[in-house]
Every structure is written in structure tokens, then in C-alpha cells.
Amino acid sequence: MTIPQQRTRYAAFERRLGRSLLGQLRRSWRHASLALLSLLVGYFLSQNLISLLLVRVPGGRSVVVFTLVLVMELLVRLRTRAVGGEETPLVWVMLDNLRLGTTYSAVLEAFKLGT
């Protein structure tokens, strides 16, 4: 005998997460490979750009980090306005993965520098 699940926000979150994960599995290999490549490219480009800009930009670390945070916030705001609650197009998935790779790279760089 199964107990019916209550309609809570957590139960709705579980359903959305399950649909999202199943949707990712149903998509084509092209979609998955481009999403993964954009994540890795974001990480790679960010590692190189942060290392280069920390040395060359006047003001150093604080200016680079502020600019990076500002660009990431703008990308998030643009995505939420453009896509909304519908199916996310491949271009926005790739931009999100570039953003995630860049954020991960910046956090890893800060951890390595001890700041």
C-alpha cells in the first residue's frame, strides 16, 4: 500500500527535477555534447583569461572579479527574461554552461590563491 504524496513545494521541486533530468536523457547526443563542450570551454577560457588579466589590468584582482561577477549577473538576468519557464533553447544552455565553467574556474583560482 502506497501513501499518496502531499502537494508540497518540495514534492513539486522533485517532479520538476525528475522531468528535467529525463528531458536531458531524451535529447540528442549533439545537444549533450555541445552542452558539455561549452562547460569545458568556459572553464578553459576563464582559467587563461583570469591568469592573464590579474597581471595586466590596473587595479588587479578586485577589478577582474567585479567585472566577472557583473557579466555573470547580466547573463542570469538576460536568461530569465528571455526564456522564462518554457523549454530552454540550446544557445541558452550553452551560455549557462559557459557561465558555470567560468564561475567554477574563478572559485578554483581563488581557492588556489587562498583568497
PDB file of N, CA and C in Angstrom:
ATOM      1  N   MET A   1       0.836  -1.172   0.000  1.00  0.00           N
ATOM      2  CA  MET A   1       0.000   0.000   0.000  1.00  0.00           C
ATOM      3  C   MET A   1       0.881   1.236   0.000  1.00  0.00           C
ATOM      4  N   THR A   2       0.642   2.132  -0.954  1.00  0.00           N
ATOM      5  CA  THR A   2       1.432   3.356  -1.031  1.00  0.00           C
ATOM      6  C   THR A   2       0.634   4.528  -0.481  1.00  0.00           C
ATOM      7  N   ILE A   3       1.337   5.399   0.163  1.00  0.00           N
ATOM      8  CA  ILE A   3       0.727   6.587   0.742  1.00  0.00           C
ATOM      9  C   ILE A   3       0.797   7.695  -0.311  1.00  0.00           C
ATOM     10  N   PRO A   4      -0.323   8.366  -0.585  1.00  0.00           N
ATOM     11  CA  PRO A   4      -0.275   9.436  -1.591  1.00  0.00           C
ATOM     12  C   PRO A   4       0.617  10.583  -1.120  1.00  0.00           C
ATOM     13  N   GLN A   5       1.331  11.142  -2.076  1.00  0.00           N
ATOM     14  CA  GLN A   5       2.253  12.222  -1.754  1.00  0.00           C
ATOM     15  C   GLN A   5       1.491  13.539  -1.624  1.00  0.00           C
ATOM     16  N   GLN A   6       1.835  14.295  -0.590  1.00  0.00           N
ATOM     17  CA  GLN A   6       1.178  15.584  -0.377  1.00  0.00           C
ATOM     18  C   GLN A   6       1.678  16.599  -1.404  1.00  0.00           C
ATOM     19  N   ARG A   7       0.885  17.603  -1.653  1.00  0.00           N
ATOM     20  CA  ARG A   7       1.260  18.643  -2.605  1.00  0.00           C
ATOM     21  C   ARG A   7       2.038  19.735  -1.881  1.00  0.00           C
ATOM     22  N   THR A   8       3.317  19.510  -1.734  1.00  0.00           N
ATOM     23  CA  THR A   8       4.177  20.492  -1.087  1.00  0.00           C
ATOM     24  C   THR A   8       5.104  21.096  -2.130  1.00  0.00           C
ATOM     25  N   ARG A   9       5.781  22.157  -1.735  1.00  0.00           N
ATOM     26  CA  ARG A   9       6.744  22.762  -2.661  1.00  0.00           C
ATOM     27  C   ARG A   9       7.891  21.806  -2.936  1.00  0.00           C
ATOM     28  N   TYR A  10       8.277  21.029  -1.928  1.00  0.00           N
ATOM     29  CA  TYR A  10       9.361  20.075  -2.131  1.00  0.00           C
ATOM     30  C   TYR A  10       8.949  18.979  -3.115  1.00  0.00           C
ATOM     31  N   ALA A  11       7.716  18.501  -3.027  1.00  0.00           N
ATOM     32  CA  ALA A  11       7.235  17.488  -3.960  1.00  0.00           C
ATOM     33  C   ALA A  11       7.190  18.055  -5.379  1.00  0.00           C
ATOM     34  N   ALA A  12       6.785  19.304  -5.525  1.00  0.00           N
ATOM     35  CA  ALA A  12       6.779  19.941  -6.847  1.00  0.00           C
ATOM     36  C   ALA A  12       8.200  20.091  -7.376  1.00  0.00           C
ATOM     37  N   PHE A  13       9.135  20.424  -6.483  1.00  0.00           N
ATOM     38  CA  PHE A  13      10.538  20.529  -6.877  1.00  0.00           C
ATOM     39  C   PHE A  13      11.062  19.178  -7.354  1.00  0.00           C
ATOM     40  N   GLU A  14      10.719  18.109  -6.647  1.00  0.00           N
ATOM     41  CA  GLU A  14      11.142  16.765  -7.064  1.00  0.00           C
ATOM     42  C   GLU A  14      10.600  16.414  -8.443  1.00  0.00           C
ATOM     43  N   ARG A  15       9.346  16.739  -8.699  1.00  0.00           N
ATOM     44  CA  ARG A  15       8.761  16.455 -10.010  1.00  0.00           C
ATOM     45  C   ARG A  15       9.458  17.245 -11.115  1.00  0.00           C
ATOM     46  N   ARG A  16       9.722  18.535 -10.867  1.00  0.00           N
ATOM     47  CA  ARG A  16      10.411  19.351 -11.874  1.00  0.00           C
ATOM     48  C   ARG A  16      11.819  18.836 -12.120  1.00  0.00           C
ATOM     49  N   LEU A  17      12.507  18.451 -11.056  1.00  0.00           N
ATOM     50  CA  LEU A  17      13.864  17.935 -11.200  1.00  0.00           C
ATOM     51  C   LEU A  17      13.863  16.621 -11.980  1.00  0.00           C
ATOM     52  N   GLY A  18      12.909  15.747 -11.686  1.00  0.00           N
ATOM     53  CA  GLY A  18      12.805  14.490 -12.417  1.00  0.00           C
ATOM     54  C   GLY A  18      12.512  14.707 -13.886  1.00  0.00           C
ATOM     55  N   ARG A  19      11.599  15.623 -14.197  1.00  0.00           N
ATOM     56  CA  ARG A  19      11.296  15.929 -15.599  1.00  0.00           C
ATOM     57  C   ARG A  19      12.505  16.525 -16.307  1.00  0.00           C
ATOM     58  N   SER A  20      13.245  17.370 -15.603  1.00  0.00           N
ATOM     59  CA  SER A  20      14.430  17.985 -16.194  1.00  0.00           C
ATOM     60  C   SER A  20      15.495  16.943 -16.501  1.00  0.00           C
ATOM     61  N   LEU A  21      15.733  16.037 -15.551  1.00  0.00           N
ATOM     62  CA  LEU A  21      16.743  15.001 -15.779  1.00  0.00           C
ATOM     63  C   LEU A  21      16.336  14.050 -16.888  1.00  0.00           C
ATOM     64  N   LEU A  22      15.074  13.664 -16.926  1.00  0.00           N
ATOM     65  CA  LEU A  22      14.611  12.802 -18.005  1.00  0.00           C
ATOM     66  C   LEU A  22      14.659  13.526 -19.343  1.00  0.00           C
ATOM     67  N   GLY A  23      14.389  14.814 -19.340  1.00  0.00           N
ATOM     68  CA  GLY A  23      14.474  15.596 -20.569  1.00  0.00           C
ATOM     69  C   GLY A  23      15.892  15.649 -21.103  1.00  0.00           C
ATOM     70  N   GLN A  24      16.868  15.715 -20.194  1.00  0.00           N
ATOM     71  CA  GLN A  24      18.257  15.718 -20.624  1.00  0.00           C
ATOM     72  C   GLN A  24      18.641  14.381 -21.246  1.00  0.00           C
ATOM     73  N   LEU A  25      18.102  13.296 -20.716  1.00  0.00           N
ATOM     74  CA  LEU A  25      18.420  11.977 -21.258  1.00  0.00           C
ATOM     75  C   LEU A  25      17.767  11.736 -22.610  1.00  0.00           C
ATOM     76  N   ARG A  26      16.625  12.356 -22.847  1.00  0.00           N
ATOM     77  CA  ARG A  26      15.909  12.155 -24.106  1.00  0.00           C
ATOM     78  C   ARG A  26      16.475  12.979 -25.246  1.00  0.00           C
ATOM     79  N   ARG A  27      17.243  13.984 -24.958  1.00  0.00           N
ATOM     80  CA  ARG A  27      17.763  14.847 -26.007  1.00  0.00           C
ATOM     81  C   ARG A  27      18.842  14.136 -26.815  1.00  0.00           C
ATOM     82  N   SER A  28      19.207  14.741 -27.912  1.00  0.00           N
ATOM     83  CA  SER A  28      20.159  14.119 -28.828  1.00  0.00           C
ATOM     84  C   SER A  28      21.585  14.208 -28.296  1.00  0.00           C
ATOM     85  N   TRP A  29      22.462  13.421 -28.891  1.00  0.00           N
ATOM     86  CA  TRP A  29      23.864  13.425 -28.485  1.00  0.00           C
ATOM     87  C   TRP A  29      24.497  14.766 -28.832  1.00  0.00           C
ATOM     88  N   ARG A  30      24.014  15.416 -29.896  1.00  0.00           N
ATOM     89  CA  ARG A  30      24.528  16.715 -30.286  1.00  0.00           C
ATOM     90  C   ARG A  30      24.286  17.739 -29.179  1.00  0.00           C
ATOM     91  N   HIS A  31      23.106  17.716 -28.621  1.00  0.00           N
ATOM     92  CA  HIS A  31      22.757  18.654 -27.549  1.00  0.00           C
ATOM     93  C   HIS A  31      23.639  18.403 -26.325  1.00  0.00           C
ATOM     94  N   ALA A  32      23.781  17.164 -25.937  1.00  0.00           N
ATOM     95  CA  ALA A  32      24.574  16.833 -24.744  1.00  0.00           C
ATOM     96  C   ALA A  32      26.049  17.153 -24.957  1.00  0.00           C
ATOM     97  N   SER A  33      26.580  16.845 -26.141  1.00  0.00           N
ATOM     98  CA  SER A  33      28.000  17.091 -26.367  1.00  0.00           C
ATOM     99  C   SER A  33      28.296  18.590 -26.453  1.00  0.00           C
ATOM    100  N   LEU A  34      27.411  19.373 -27.079  1.00  0.00           N
ATOM    101  CA  LEU A  34      27.623  20.820 -27.123  1.00  0.00           C
ATOM    102  C   LEU A  34      27.510  21.444 -25.736  1.00  0.00           C
ATOM    103  N   ALA A  35      26.610  20.944 -24.917  1.00  0.00           N
ATOM    104  CA  ALA A  35      26.477  21.454 -23.549  1.00  0.00           C
ATOM    105  C   ALA A  35      27.739  21.159 -22.744  1.00  0.00           C
ATOM    106  N   LEU A  36      28.269  19.944 -22.864  1.00  0.00           N
ATOM    107  CA  LEU A  36      29.486  19.586 -22.138  1.00  0.00           C
ATOM    108  C   LEU A  36      30.691  20.361 -22.664  1.00  0.00           C
ATOM    109  N   LEU A  37      30.784  20.506 -23.969  1.00  0.00           N
ATOM    110  CA  LEU A  37      31.889  21.270 -24.542  1.00  0.00           C
ATOM    111  C   LEU A  37      31.858  22.733 -24.105  1.00  0.00           C
ATOM    112  N   SER A  38      30.694  23.324 -24.036  1.00  0.00           N
ATOM    113  CA  SER A  38      30.620  24.718 -23.600  1.00  0.00           C
ATOM    114  C   SER A  38      31.025  24.858 -22.136  1.00  0.00           C
ATOM    115  N   LEU A  39      30.711  23.867 -21.315  1.00  0.00           N
ATOM    116  CA  LEU A  39      31.152  23.891 -19.922  1.00  0.00           C
ATOM    117  C   LEU A  39      32.674  23.842 -19.831  1.00  0.00           C
ATOM    118  N   LEU A  40      33.279  22.964 -20.598  1.00  0.00           N
ATOM    119  CA  LEU A  40      34.739  22.833 -20.578  1.00  0.00           C
ATOM    120  C   LEU A  40      35.435  24.038 -21.202  1.00  0.00           C
ATOM    121  N   VAL A  41      34.861  24.580 -22.268  1.00  0.00           N
ATOM    122  CA  VAL A  41      35.438  25.768 -22.904  1.00  0.00           C
ATOM    123  C   VAL A  41      35.354  26.962 -21.954  1.00  0.00           C
ATOM    124  N   GLY A  42      34.244  27.096 -21.239  1.00  0.00           N
ATOM    125  CA  GLY A  42      34.122  28.167 -20.260  1.00  0.00           C
ATOM    126  C   GLY A  42      35.182  28.060 -19.178  1.00  0.00           C
ATOM    127  N   TYR A  43      35.427  26.850 -18.722  1.00  0.00           N
ATOM    128  CA  TYR A  43      36.470  26.634 -17.709  1.00  0.00           C
ATOM    129  C   TYR A  43      37.847  26.987 -18.268  1.00  0.00           C
ATOM    130  N   PHE A  44      38.137  26.500 -19.463  1.00  0.00           N
ATOM    131  CA  PHE A  44      39.445  26.717 -20.076  1.00  0.00           C
ATOM    132  C   PHE A  44      39.706  28.194 -20.345  1.00  0.00           C
ATOM    133  N   LEU A  45      38.752  28.861 -20.972  1.00  0.00           N
ATOM    134  CA  LEU A  45      38.932  30.274 -21.279  1.00  0.00           C
ATOM    135  C   LEU A  45      39.054  31.122 -20.017  1.00  0.00           C
ATOM    136  N   SER A  46      38.281  30.794 -19.023  1.00  0.00           N
ATOM    137  CA  SER A  46      38.331  31.554 -17.783  1.00  0.00           C
ATOM    138  C   SER A  46      39.664  31.375 -17.067  1.00  0.00           C
ATOM    139  N   GLN A  47      40.179  30.157 -17.058  1.00  0.00           N
ATOM    140  CA  GLN A  47      41.491  29.927 -16.428  1.00  0.00           C
ATOM    141  C   GLN A  47      42.545  30.795 -17.084  1.00  0.00           C
ATOM    142  N   ASN A  48      42.542  30.822 -18.410  1.00  0.00           N
ATOM    143  CA  ASN A  48      43.556  31.596 -19.115  1.00  0.00           C
ATOM    144  C   ASN A  48      43.328  33.095 -18.987  1.00  0.00           C
ATOM    145  N   LEU A  49      42.083  33.529 -19.116  1.00  0.00           N
ATOM    146  CA  LEU A  49      41.810  34.965 -19.031  1.00  0.00           C
ATOM    147  C   LEU A  49      42.034  35.525 -17.638  1.00  0.00           C
ATOM    148  N   ILE A  50      41.641  34.788 -16.624  1.00  0.00           N
ATOM    149  CA  ILE A  50      41.852  35.279 -15.261  1.00  0.00           C
ATOM    150  C   ILE A  50      43.341  35.385 -14.954  1.00  0.00           C
ATOM    151  N   SER A  51      44.103  34.387 -15.353  1.00  0.00           N
ATOM    152  CA  SER A  51      45.550  34.438 -15.117  1.00  0.00           C
ATOM    153  C   SER A  51      46.183  35.616 -15.851  1.00  0.00           C
ATOM    154  N   LEU A  52      45.732  35.870 -17.069  1.00  0.00           N
ATOM    155  CA  LEU A  52      46.280  36.968 -17.853  1.00  0.00           C
ATOM    156  C   LEU A  52      45.828  38.321 -17.308  1.00  0.00           C
ATOM    157  N   LEU A  53      44.553  38.450 -16.994  1.00  0.00           N
ATOM    158  CA  LEU A  53      44.024  39.741 -16.556  1.00  0.00           C
ATOM    159  C   LEU A  53      44.470  40.138 -15.163  1.00  0.00           C
ATOM    160  N   LEU A  54      44.726  39.171 -14.296  1.00  0.00           N
ATOM    161  CA  LEU A  54      45.192  39.517 -12.950  1.00  0.00           C
ATOM    162  C   LEU A  54      46.520  40.260 -12.997  1.00  0.00           C
ATOM    163  N   VAL A  55      47.325  39.976 -13.992  1.00  0.00           N
ATOM    164  CA  VAL A  55      48.631  40.611 -14.107  1.00  0.00           C
ATOM    165  C   VAL A  55      48.549  41.942 -14.850  1.00  0.00           C
ATOM    166  N   ARG A  56      47.716  42.005 -15.876  1.00  0.00           N
ATOM    167  CA  ARG A  56      47.739  43.151 -16.789  1.00  0.00           C
ATOM    168  C   ARG A  56      46.764  44.277 -16.457  1.00  0.00           C
ATOM    169  N   VAL A  57      45.687  44.005 -15.754  1.00  0.00           N
ATOM    170  CA  VAL A  57      44.672  45.037 -15.503  1.00  0.00           C
ATOM    171  C   VAL A  57      45.098  45.893 -14.316  1.00  0.00           C
ATOM    172  N   PRO A  58      45.057  47.233 -14.498  1.00  0.00           N
ATOM    173  CA  PRO A  58      45.356  48.086 -13.348  1.00  0.00           C
ATOM    174  C   PRO A  58      44.259  47.949 -12.292  1.00  0.00           C
ATOM    175  N   GLY A  59      44.630  47.784 -11.080  1.00  0.00           N
ATOM    176  CA  GLY A  59      43.658  47.551 -10.011  1.00  0.00           C
ATOM    177  C   GLY A  59      43.644  46.093  -9.617  1.00  0.00           C
ATOM    178  N   GLY A  60      44.141  45.249 -10.499  1.00  0.00           N
ATOM    179  CA  GLY A  60      44.346  43.843 -10.187  1.00  0.00           C
ATOM    180  C   GLY A  60      43.095  43.040  -9.944  1.00  0.00           C
ATOM    181  N   ARG A  61      43.157  42.281  -8.898  1.00  0.00           N
ATOM    182  CA  ARG A  61      42.169  41.255  -8.606  1.00  0.00           C
ATOM    183  C   ARG A  61      40.754  41.791  -8.415  1.00  0.00           C
ATOM    184  N   SER A  62      40.605  42.894  -7.706  1.00  0.00           N
ATOM    185  CA  SER A  62      39.260  43.388  -7.414  1.00  0.00           C
ATOM    186  C   SER A  62      38.520  43.832  -8.671  1.00  0.00           C
ATOM    187  N   VAL A  63      39.205  44.450  -9.612  1.00  0.00           N
ATOM    188  CA  VAL A  63      38.572  44.885 -10.857  1.00  0.00           C
ATOM    189  C   VAL A  63      38.160  43.683 -11.695  1.00  0.00           C
ATOM    190  N   VAL A  64      39.016  42.690 -11.788  1.00  0.00           N
ATOM    191  CA  VAL A  64      38.723  41.487 -12.580  1.00  0.00           C
ATOM    192  C   VAL A  64      37.546  40.738 -11.980  1.00  0.00           C
ATOM    193  N   VAL A  65      37.541  40.566 -10.681  1.00  0.00           N
ATOM    194  CA  VAL A  65      36.458  39.832 -10.030  1.00  0.00           C
ATOM    195  C   VAL A  65      35.144  40.595 -10.139  1.00  0.00           C
ATOM    196  N   PHE A  66      35.170  41.910  -9.955  1.00  0.00           N
ATOM    197  CA  PHE A  66      33.954  42.703 -10.090  1.00  0.00           C
ATOM    198  C   PHE A  66      33.375  42.598 -11.501  1.00  0.00           C
ATOM    199  N   THR A  67      34.222  42.692 -12.504  1.00  0.00           N
ATOM    200  CA  THR A  67      33.774  42.574 -13.890  1.00  0.00           C
ATOM    201  C   THR A  67      33.199  41.194 -14.161  1.00  0.00           C
ATOM    202  N   LEU A  68      33.844  40.174 -13.651  1.00  0.00           N
ATOM    203  CA  LEU A  68      33.374  38.798 -13.842  1.00  0.00           C
ATOM    204  C   LEU A  68      32.007  38.597 -13.186  1.00  0.00           C
ATOM    205  N   VAL A  69      31.842  39.090 -11.980  1.00  0.00           N
ATOM    206  CA  VAL A  69      30.553  38.955 -11.284  1.00  0.00           C
ATOM    207  C   VAL A  69      29.466  39.743 -12.014  1.00  0.00           C
ATOM    208  N   LEU A  70      29.795  40.921 -12.507  1.00  0.00           N
ATOM    209  CA  LEU A  70      28.833  41.733 -13.244  1.00  0.00           C
ATOM    210  C   LEU A  70      28.376  41.036 -14.529  1.00  0.00           C
ATOM    211  N   VAL A  71      29.294  40.453 -15.273  1.00  0.00           N
ATOM    212  CA  VAL A  71      28.937  39.740 -16.509  1.00  0.00           C
ATOM    213  C   VAL A  71      28.082  38.519 -16.196  1.00  0.00           C
ATOM    214  N   MET A  72      28.421  37.773 -15.149  1.00  0.00           N
ATOM    215  CA  MET A  72      27.639  36.597 -14.775  1.00  0.00           C
ATOM    216  C   MET A  72      26.217  36.985 -14.370  1.00  0.00           C
ATOM    217  N   GLU A  73      26.090  38.055 -13.623  1.00  0.00           N
ATOM    218  CA  GLU A  73      24.764  38.512 -13.201  1.00  0.00           C
ATOM    219  C   GLU A  73      23.931  38.965 -14.398  1.00  0.00           C
ATOM    220  N   LEU A  74      24.549  39.654 -15.336  1.00  0.00           N
ATOM    221  CA  LEU A  74      23.833  40.068 -16.540  1.00  0.00           C
ATOM    222  C   LEU A  74      23.357  38.867 -17.354  1.00  0.00           C
ATOM    223  N   LEU A  75      24.196  37.832 -17.463  1.00  0.00           N
ATOM    224  CA  LEU A  75      23.784  36.621 -18.183  1.00  0.00           C
ATOM    225  C   LEU A  75      22.594  35.948 -17.519  1.00  0.00           C
ATOM    226  N   VAL A  76      22.600  35.897 -16.192  1.00  0.00           N
ATOM    227  CA  VAL A  76      21.479  35.277 -15.478  1.00  0.00           C
ATOM    228  C   VAL A  76      20.209  36.094 -15.693  1.00  0.00           C
ATOM    229  N   ARG A  77      20.301  37.417 -15.601  1.00  0.00           N
ATOM    230  CA  ARG A  77      19.130  38.270 -15.792  1.00  0.00           C
ATOM    231  C   ARG A  77      18.578  38.158 -17.214  1.00  0.00           C
ATOM    232  N   LEU A  78      19.467  38.143 -18.206  1.00  0.00           N
ATOM    233  CA  LEU A  78      19.017  38.012 -19.588  1.00  0.00           C
ATOM    234  C   LEU A  78      18.330  36.678 -19.837  1.00  0.00           C
ATOM    235  N   ARG A  79      18.880  35.619 -19.266  1.00  0.00           N
ATOM    236  CA  ARG A  79      18.299  34.297 -19.474  1.00  0.00           C
ATOM    237  C   ARG A  79      16.902  34.203 -18.876  1.00  0.00           C
ATOM    238  N   THR A  80      16.732  34.701 -17.663  1.00  0.00           N
ATOM    239  CA  THR A  80      15.417  34.605 -17.027  1.00  0.00           C
ATOM    240  C   THR A  80      14.379  35.431 -17.762  1.00  0.00           C
ATOM    241  N   ARG A  81      14.779  36.558 -18.341  1.00  0.00           N
ATOM    242  CA  ARG A  81      13.824  37.366 -19.105  1.00  0.00           C
ATOM    243  C   ARG A  81      13.524  36.747 -20.463  1.00  0.00           C
ATOM    244  N   ALA A  82      14.519  36.181 -21.115  1.00  0.00           N
ATOM    245  CA  ALA A  82      14.335  35.656 -22.469  1.00  0.00           C
ATOM    246  C   ALA A  82      13.623  34.307 -22.481  1.00  0.00           C
ATOM    247  N   VAL A  83      13.971  33.411 -21.555  1.00  0.00           N
ATOM    248  CA  VAL A  83      13.452  32.055 -21.602  1.00  0.00           C
ATOM    249  C   VAL A  83      12.199  31.901 -20.762  1.00  0.00           C
ATOM    250  N   GLY A  84      12.216  32.376 -19.541  1.00  0.00           N
ATOM    251  CA  GLY A  84      11.063  32.206 -18.652  1.00  0.00           C
ATOM    252  C   GLY A  84      10.964  30.766 -18.183  1.00  0.00           C
ATOM    253  N   GLY A  85       9.753  30.195 -18.196  1.00  0.00           N
ATOM    254  CA  GLY A  85       9.555  28.850 -17.688  1.00  0.00           C
ATOM    255  C   GLY A  85       9.452  27.791 -18.767  1.00  0.00           C
ATOM    256  N   GLU A  86       9.649  28.167 -20.018  1.00  0.00           N
ATOM    257  CA  GLU A  86       9.494  27.216 -21.111  1.00  0.00           C
ATOM    258  C   GLU A  86      10.755  26.395 -21.342  1.00  0.00           C
ATOM    259  N   GLU A  87      10.731  25.582 -22.363  1.00  0.00           N
ATOM    260  CA  GLU A  87      11.877  24.738 -22.739  1.00  0.00           C
ATOM    261  C   GLU A  87      13.065  25.628 -23.081  1.00  0.00           C
ATOM    262  N   THR A  88      14.226  25.313 -22.523  1.00  0.00           N
ATOM    263  CA  THR A  88      15.416  26.131 -22.728  1.00  0.00           C
ATOM    264  C   THR A  88      16.078  25.782 -24.059  1.00  0.00           C
ATOM    265  N   PRO A  89      16.267  26.773 -24.942  1.00  0.00           N
ATOM    266  CA  PRO A  89      16.944  26.510 -26.216  1.00  0.00           C
ATOM    267  C   PRO A  89      18.417  26.176 -26.002  1.00  0.00           C
ATOM    268  N   LEU A  90      19.013  25.536 -26.991  1.00  0.00           N
ATOM    269  CA  LEU A  90      20.400  25.081 -26.897  1.00  0.00           C
ATOM    270  C   LEU A  90      21.365  26.241 -26.683  1.00  0.00           C
ATOM    271  N   VAL A  91      21.108  27.374 -27.295  1.00  0.00           N
ATOM    272  CA  VAL A  91      22.004  28.525 -27.150  1.00  0.00           C
ATOM    273  C   VAL A  91      22.074  28.970 -25.693  1.00  0.00           C
ATOM    274  N   TRP A  92      20.928  29.006 -25.007  1.00  0.00           N
ATOM    275  CA  TRP A  92      20.922  29.423 -23.607  1.00  0.00           C
ATOM    276  C   TRP A  92      21.551  28.373 -22.711  1.00  0.00           C
ATOM    277  N   VAL A  93      21.392  27.100 -23.055  1.00  0.00           N
ATOM    278  CA  VAL A  93      22.057  26.043 -22.288  1.00  0.00           C
ATOM    279  C   VAL A  93      23.566  26.192 -22.415  1.00  0.00           C
ATOM    280  N   MET A  94      24.029  26.484 -23.630  1.00  0.00           N
ATOM    281  CA  MET A  94      25.466  26.663 -23.830  1.00  0.00           C
ATOM    282  C   MET A  94      25.982  27.897 -23.084  1.00  0.00           C
ATOM    283  N   LEU A  95      25.230  28.997 -23.119  1.00  0.00           N
ATOM    284  CA  LEU A  95      25.648  30.187 -22.364  1.00  0.00           C
ATOM    285  C   LEU A  95      25.661  29.925 -20.862  1.00  0.00           C
ATOM    286  N   ASP A  96      24.675  29.190 -20.384  1.00  0.00           N
ATOM    287  CA  ASP A  96      24.660  28.832 -18.963  1.00  0.00           C
ATOM    288  C   ASP A  96      25.863  27.975 -18.598  1.00  0.00           C
ATOM    289  N   ASN A  97      26.200  27.038 -19.451  1.00  0.00           N
ATOM    290  CA  ASN A  97      27.344  26.169 -19.159  1.00  0.00           C
ATOM    291  C   ASN A  97      28.661  26.929 -19.255  1.00  0.00           C
ATOM    292  N   LEU A  98      28.758  27.881 -20.185  1.00  0.00           N
ATOM    293  CA  LEU A  98      29.945  28.746 -20.206  1.00  0.00           C
ATOM    294  C   LEU A  98      30.053  29.527 -18.893  1.00  0.00           C
ATOM    295  N   ARG A  99      28.916  30.022 -18.426  1.00  0.00           N
ATOM    296  CA  ARG A  99      28.886  30.772 -17.163  1.00  0.00           C
ATOM    297  C   ARG A  99      29.282  29.884 -15.989  1.00  0.00           C
ATOM    298  N   LEU A 100      28.757  28.669 -15.963  1.00  0.00           N
ATOM    299  CA  LEU A 100      29.094  27.747 -14.870  1.00  0.00           C
ATOM    300  C   LEU A 100      30.569  27.373 -14.892  1.00  0.00           C
ATOM    301  N   GLY A 101      31.111  27.107 -16.076  1.00  0.00           N
ATOM    302  CA  GLY A 101      32.537  26.798 -16.185  1.00  0.00           C
ATOM    303  C   GLY A 101      33.402  27.958 -15.740  1.00  0.00           C
ATOM    304  N   THR A 102      32.997  29.158 -16.097  1.00  0.00           N
ATOM    305  CA  THR A 102      33.742  30.349 -15.695  1.00  0.00           C
ATOM    306  C   THR A 102      33.681  30.557 -14.189  1.00  0.00           C
ATOM    307  N   THR A 103      32.507  30.377 -13.621  1.00  0.00           N
ATOM    308  CA  THR A 103      32.354  30.541 -12.169  1.00  0.00           C
ATOM    309  C   THR A 103      33.179  29.505 -11.421  1.00  0.00           C
ATOM    310  N   TYR A 104      33.133  28.266 -11.882  1.00  0.00           N
ATOM    311  CA  TYR A 104      33.912  27.214 -11.236  1.00  0.00           C
ATOM    312  C   TYR A 104      35.400  27.524 -11.322  1.00  0.00           C
ATOM    313  N   SER A 105      35.843  28.009 -12.459  1.00  0.00           N
ATOM    314  CA  SER A 105      37.245  28.348 -12.639  1.00  0.00           C
ATOM    315  C   SER A 105      37.667  29.482 -11.708  1.00  0.00           C
ATOM    316  N   ALA A 106      36.821  30.508 -11.573  1.00  0.00           N
ATOM    317  CA  ALA A 106      37.152  31.637 -10.703  1.00  0.00           C
ATOM    318  C   ALA A 106      37.219  31.199  -9.242  1.00  0.00           C
ATOM    319  N   VAL A 107      36.291  30.345  -8.834  1.00  0.00           N
ATOM    320  CA  VAL A 107      36.302  29.862  -7.452  1.00  0.00           C
ATOM    321  C   VAL A 107      37.532  28.993  -7.209  1.00  0.00           C
ATOM    322  N   LEU A 108      37.875  28.164  -8.170  1.00  0.00           N
ATOM    323  CA  LEU A 108      39.059  27.320  -8.028  1.00  0.00           C
ATOM    324  C   LEU A 108      40.325  28.165  -7.968  1.00  0.00           C
ATOM    325  N   GLU A 109      40.388  29.206  -8.789  1.00  0.00           N
ATOM    326  CA  GLU A 109      41.550  30.107  -8.772  1.00  0.00           C
ATOM    327  C   GLU A 109      41.655  30.824  -7.422  1.00  0.00           C
ATOM    328  N   ALA A 110      40.541  31.265  -6.868  1.00  0.00           N
ATOM    329  CA  ALA A 110      40.557  31.925  -5.567  1.00  0.00           C
ATOM    330  C   ALA A 110      40.991  30.944  -4.475  1.00  0.00           C
ATOM    331  N   PHE A 111      40.553  29.700  -4.594  1.00  0.00           N
ATOM    332  CA  PHE A 111      40.959  28.698  -3.612  1.00  0.00           C
ATOM    333  C   PHE A 111      42.458  28.446  -3.698  1.00  0.00           C
ATOM    334  N   LYS A 112      42.993  28.405  -4.914  1.00  0.00           N
ATOM    335  CA  LYS A 112      44.431  28.177  -5.076  1.00  0.00           C
ATOM    336  C   LYS A 112      45.240  29.347  -4.524  1.00  0.00           C
ATOM    337  N   LEU A 113      44.717  30.575  -4.711  1.00  0.00           N
ATOM    338  CA  LEU A 113      45.437  31.759  -4.219  1.00  0.00           C
ATOM    339  C   LEU A 113      45.239  31.979  -2.728  1.00  0.00           C
ATOM    340  N   GLY A 114      44.240  31.342  -2.163  1.00  0.00           N
ATOM    341  CA  GLY A 114      43.989  31.480  -0.734  1.00  0.00           C
ATOM    342  C   GLY A 114      43.239  32.731  -0.372  1.00  0.00           C
ATOM    343  N   THR A 115      42.399  33.243  -1.301  1.00  0.00           N
ATOM    344  CA  THR A 115      41.656  34.456  -1.012  1.00  0.00           C
ATOM    345  C   THR A 115      40.185  34.176  -0.950  1.00  0.00           C
TER     346      THR A 115
END
